[in-house]
């Protein structure tokens, strides 16, 4: 069975509505699918913007990243830390994986 396409979420800016951008999501077996946020719903982008800020300031800006492969590895590492190790105040100082699996602590 083929994996589901990865959702790429963007706002409705002109750079995300053009024909050139659209070509990344076409083809017989697209790897990505494009999802636009609702018009006048900044809270949708706020969640991902907060994640990107946390990624940059808690992880990426603390070291030197040589190239795209190193960046990919560091983002992957942070995603694991973010979801399984780093406690979140909004989740009662639990990790997202604890909340998702129903673990109390």
Protein backbone atom coordinates (compact mmCIF):
# COMPACT_ATOMS: atom_id res chain seq x y z
CA UNK A 1 0.00 0.00 0.00
CA UNK A 2 1.34 3.45 -0.92
CA UNK A 3 1.81 5.97 1.89
CA UNK A 4 -0.55 8.92 2.14
CA UNK A 5 0.76 12.18 0.72
CA UNK A 6 2.33 14.56 3.20
CA UNK A 7 0.17 17.63 3.82
CA UNK A 8 1.89 20.95 3.26
CA UNK A 9 -0.13 23.68 5.00
CA UNK A 10 0.15 27.28 3.85
CA UNK A 11 -1.79 30.48 4.03
CA UNK A 12 -3.44 31.98 0.97
CA UNK A 13 -0.59 34.24 -0.07
CA UNK A 14 -0.04 34.80 -3.79
CA UNK A 15 3.16 32.73 -3.81
CA UNK A 16 1.11 29.67 -2.72
CA UNK A 17 -1.61 30.15 -5.35
CA UNK A 18 0.59 30.28 -8.45
CA UNK A 19 0.99 27.70 -11.17
CA UNK A 20 4.67 27.10 -10.41
CA UNK A 21 3.92 26.19 -6.78
CA UNK A 22 1.06 23.95 -7.91
CA UNK A 23 3.43 21.76 -9.98
CA UNK A 24 4.95 20.31 -6.77
CA UNK A 25 1.60 18.68 -6.00
CA UNK A 26 0.70 17.21 -9.38
CA UNK A 27 1.63 14.01 -11.11
CA UNK A 28 0.52 10.38 -11.13
CA UNK A 29 1.68 9.71 -7.55
CA UNK A 30 2.20 12.99 -5.67
CA UNK A 31 4.30 12.80 -2.52
CA UNK A 32 2.79 16.04 -1.20
CA UNK A 33 -0.69 17.51 -1.01
CA UNK A 34 -1.36 21.19 -0.49
CA UNK A 35 -3.80 22.38 2.16
CA UNK A 36 -4.58 26.07 2.48
CA UNK A 37 -5.77 27.57 5.74
CA UNK A 38 -9.16 29.21 5.90
CA UNK A 39 -9.28 32.88 5.03
CA UNK A 40 -9.24 35.08 8.14
CA UNK A 41 -8.17 32.26 10.48
CA UNK A 42 -4.78 33.30 11.85
CA UNK A 43 -5.00 30.77 14.67
CA UNK A 44 -4.38 27.99 12.14
CA UNK A 45 -1.02 29.41 11.11
CA UNK A 46 -0.31 30.42 14.70
CA UNK A 47 0.13 26.81 15.77
CA UNK A 48 2.75 26.03 13.16
CA UNK A 49 4.43 29.42 13.56
CA UNK A 50 4.79 28.71 17.29
CA UNK A 51 6.32 25.30 16.49
CA UNK A 52 8.77 26.86 14.02
CA UNK A 53 9.78 29.47 16.62
CA UNK A 54 10.38 26.76 19.20
CA UNK A 55 12.34 24.70 16.66
CA UNK A 56 14.58 27.65 15.80
CA UNK A 57 15.19 29.11 19.24
CA UNK A 58 15.36 25.92 21.29
CA UNK A 59 17.25 23.78 18.81
CA UNK A 60 18.55 25.12 15.48
CA UNK A 61 20.11 28.40 16.65
CA UNK A 62 22.12 26.59 19.35
CA UNK A 63 24.60 25.02 16.95
CA UNK A 64 26.13 25.18 13.52
CA UNK A 65 24.34 23.48 10.63
CA UNK A 66 26.57 22.82 7.65
CA UNK A 67 24.13 21.90 4.88
CA UNK A 68 20.65 20.74 3.95
CA UNK A 69 21.28 17.16 5.04
CA UNK A 70 22.39 18.31 8.49
CA UNK A 71 19.34 20.56 8.72
CA UNK A 72 17.07 17.64 7.82
CA UNK A 73 18.69 15.50 10.53
CA UNK A 74 18.39 18.25 13.17
CA UNK A 75 14.71 18.91 12.36
CA UNK A 76 14.03 15.17 12.61
CA UNK A 77 15.85 15.00 15.98
CA UNK A 78 13.90 17.97 17.31
CA UNK A 79 10.58 16.46 16.24
CA UNK A 80 11.37 13.37 18.31
CA UNK A 81 12.45 15.50 21.28
CA UNK A 82 9.38 17.74 20.92
CA UNK A 83 6.91 14.85 20.81
CA UNK A 84 8.45 12.35 23.24
CA UNK A 85 10.86 14.09 25.65
CA UNK A 86 10.04 17.81 26.00
CA UNK A 87 7.17 18.46 28.44
CA UNK A 88 4.54 20.99 27.35
CA UNK A 89 2.98 23.36 29.85
CA UNK A 90 -0.29 23.43 27.89
CA UNK A 91 -0.48 19.63 28.23
CA UNK A 92 0.01 19.60 32.00
CA UNK A 93 3.76 19.13 31.68
CA UNK A 94 3.27 15.97 29.65
CA UNK A 95 4.65 15.19 26.21
CA UNK A 96 2.37 15.01 23.16
CA UNK A 97 3.04 11.25 22.92
CA UNK A 98 1.88 10.81 26.54
CA UNK A 99 -1.34 12.69 25.78
CA UNK A 100 -1.90 10.80 22.54
CA UNK A 101 -1.42 7.37 24.14
CA UNK A 102 -3.31 8.31 27.32
CA UNK A 103 -0.37 7.94 29.71
CA UNK A 104 -0.84 9.82 32.99
CA UNK A 105 2.90 10.30 33.59
